[in-house]
Amino acid sequence: VLNDMFAEDFKTMLRVTASDEIHELMFISIDGNGVDMRIRIGSEYSVERVSFGERVNDETGAIARVRAVLQAVGLGGKKQGI
């Protein structure tokens, strides 16, 4: 669900420079405090953690917090989900 809803917005958010095109971004884990994403730029992989800022207890809360993180930096995150 998170990949479909938010991957493109996070590619934009996490892009450092114009030459650092993110070729792949995949949410790999989620817990009550945040999400981990695997990011590929060229042939290099890294894992980035995005904290929710406050603990959530369910999928609906996680989606709301991910959306809030994106909106705080002026990106989409407005698609309707669960």
C-alpha atoms as a PDB file:
ATOM      1  CA  VAL A   1       0.000   0.000   0.000  1.00  0.00           C
ATOM      2  CA  LEU A   2       2.689   2.534   0.982  1.00  0.00           C
ATOM      3  CA  ASN A   3       4.758   1.838  -2.140  1.00  0.00           C
ATOM      4  CA  ASP A   4       1.795   2.501  -4.418  1.00  0.00           C
ATOM      5  CA  MET A   5       0.707   5.601  -2.551  1.00  0.00           C
ATOM      6  CA  PHE A   6       3.955   7.352  -1.656  1.00  0.00           C
ATOM      7  CA  ALA A   7       7.063   6.031  -3.468  1.00  0.00           C
ATOM      8  CA  GLU A   8       7.143   8.774  -6.122  1.00  0.00           C
ATOM      9  CA  ASP A   9       6.784  11.553  -3.545  1.00  0.00           C
ATOM     10  CA  PHE A  10       9.571  10.077  -1.402  1.00  0.00           C
ATOM     11  CA  LYS A  11      11.826   9.817  -4.470  1.00  0.00           C
ATOM     12  CA  THR A  12      11.397  13.571  -4.833  1.00  0.00           C
ATOM     13  CA  MET A  13      11.844  14.273  -1.119  1.00  0.00           C
ATOM     14  CA  LEU A  14      15.008  12.196  -0.737  1.00  0.00           C
ATOM     15  CA  ARG A  15      16.715  13.341  -3.937  1.00  0.00           C
ATOM     16  CA  VAL A  16      19.760  15.328  -2.862  1.00  0.00           C
ATOM     17  CA  THR A  17      20.840  16.859  -6.178  1.00  0.00           C
ATOM     18  CA  ALA A  18      19.547  16.892  -9.741  1.00  0.00           C
ATOM     19  CA  SER A  19      22.163  14.285 -10.681  1.00  0.00           C
ATOM     20  CA  ASP A  20      21.087  11.899  -7.889  1.00  0.00           C
ATOM     21  CA  GLU A  21      18.130  10.355  -9.651  1.00  0.00           C
ATOM     22  CA  ILE A  22      16.602   7.669  -7.447  1.00  0.00           C
ATOM     23  CA  HIS A  23      16.104   4.659  -9.682  1.00  0.00           C
ATOM     24  CA  GLU A  24      14.229   2.567  -7.144  1.00  0.00           C
ATOM     25  CA  LEU A  25      12.576   3.204  -3.806  1.00  0.00           C
ATOM     26  CA  MET A  26      10.814   0.448  -1.896  1.00  0.00           C
ATOM     27  CA  PHE A  27       9.284   0.547   1.565  1.00  0.00           C
ATOM     28  CA  ILE A  28      10.860  -2.438   3.308  1.00  0.00           C
ATOM     29  CA  SER A  29       9.617  -2.190   6.883  1.00  0.00           C
ATOM     30  CA  ILE A  30       7.226  -0.274   9.029  1.00  0.00           C
ATOM     31  CA  ASP A  31       6.733  -0.048  12.762  1.00  0.00           C
ATOM     32  CA  GLY A  32       4.932   2.247  15.153  1.00  0.00           C
ATOM     33  CA  ASN A  33       7.700   4.865  14.967  1.00  0.00           C
ATOM     34  CA  GLY A  34       8.465   5.104  11.253  1.00  0.00           C
ATOM     35  CA  VAL A  35       9.276   3.456   7.947  1.00  0.00           C
ATOM     36  CA  ASP A  36      12.452   2.117   6.351  1.00  0.00           C
ATOM     37  CA  MET A  37      12.982   2.404   2.609  1.00  0.00           C
ATOM     38  CA  ARG A  38      15.542   0.754   0.350  1.00  0.00           C
ATOM     39  CA  ILE A  39      16.856   3.261  -2.169  1.00  0.00           C
ATOM     40  CA  ARG A  40      18.875   2.563  -5.310  1.00  0.00           C
ATOM     41  CA  ILE A  41      20.832   5.282  -7.088  1.00  0.00           C
ATOM     42  CA  GLY A  42      22.661   3.742 -10.036  1.00  0.00           C
ATOM     43  CA  SER A  43      24.199   0.545  -8.698  1.00  0.00           C
ATOM     44  CA  GLU A  44      24.389   1.722  -5.078  1.00  0.00           C
ATOM     45  CA  TYR A  45      21.817   0.803  -2.440  1.00  0.00           C
ATOM     46  CA  SER A  46      21.091   2.413   0.903  1.00  0.00           C
ATOM     47  CA  VAL A  47      18.406   2.228   3.563  1.00  0.00           C
ATOM     48  CA  GLU A  48      16.781   5.401   4.839  1.00  0.00           C
ATOM     49  CA  ARG A  49      14.613   5.758   7.941  1.00  0.00           C
ATOM     50  CA  VAL A  50      11.777   8.282   8.112  1.00  0.00           C
ATOM     51  CA  SER A  51      10.427   8.811  11.611  1.00  0.00           C
ATOM     52  CA  PHE A  52       6.756   9.566  12.217  1.00  0.00           C
ATOM     53  CA  GLY A  53       7.489  11.958  15.059  1.00  0.00           C
ATOM     54  CA  GLU A  54       4.820  10.277  17.145  1.00  0.00           C
ATOM     55  CA  ARG A  55       3.966   6.621  17.652  1.00  0.00           C
ATOM     56  CA  VAL A  56       1.113   5.070  15.653  1.00  0.00           C
ATOM     57  CA  ASN A  57      -0.773   1.885  16.405  1.00  0.00           C
ATOM     58  CA  ASP A  58      -2.237   0.776  13.087  1.00  0.00           C
ATOM     59  CA  GLU A  59      -2.006   1.017   9.305  1.00  0.00           C
ATOM     60  CA  THR A  60      -4.418   3.938   9.108  1.00  0.00           C
ATOM     61  CA  GLY A  61      -2.280   5.919  11.548  1.00  0.00           C
ATOM     62  CA  ALA A  62       0.889   5.050   9.622  1.00  0.00           C
ATOM     63  CA  ILE A  63      -0.608   6.240   6.338  1.00  0.00           C
ATOM     64  CA  ALA A  64      -1.733   9.472   7.986  1.00  0.00           C
ATOM     65  CA  ARG A  65       1.754  10.105   9.424  1.00  0.00           C
ATOM     66  CA  VAL A  66       3.496   9.346   6.102  1.00  0.00           C
ATOM     67  CA  ARG A  67       1.111  11.768   4.388  1.00  0.00           C
ATOM     68  CA  ALA A  68       1.863  14.402   7.060  1.00  0.00           C
ATOM     69  CA  VAL A  69       5.634  14.007   6.574  1.00  0.00           C
ATOM     70  CA  LEU A  70       5.259  14.617   2.831  1.00  0.00           C
ATOM     71  CA  GLN A  71       2.907  17.541   3.273  1.00  0.00           C
ATOM     72  CA  ALA A  72       5.327  19.133   5.759  1.00  0.00           C
ATOM     73  CA  VAL A  73       7.912  19.363   2.968  1.00  0.00           C
ATOM     74  CA  GLY A  74       5.390  20.561   0.403  1.00  0.00           C
ATOM     75  CA  LEU A  75       4.912  17.310  -1.482  1.00  0.00           C
ATOM     76  CA  GLY A  76       1.806  15.357  -2.473  1.00  0.00           C
ATOM     77  CA  GLY A  77       0.851  12.642  -0.074  1.00  0.00           C
ATOM     78  CA  LYS A  78      -2.746  13.565  -0.758  1.00  0.00           C
ATOM     79  CA  LYS A  79      -3.927  10.359  -2.436  1.00  0.00           C
ATOM     80  CA  GLN A  80      -6.709   8.637  -0.625  1.00  0.00           C
ATOM     81  CA  GLY A  81      -5.863   5.272   0.851  1.00  0.00           C
ATOM     82  CA  ILE A  82      -7.085   3.031   3.551  1.00  0.00           C
END
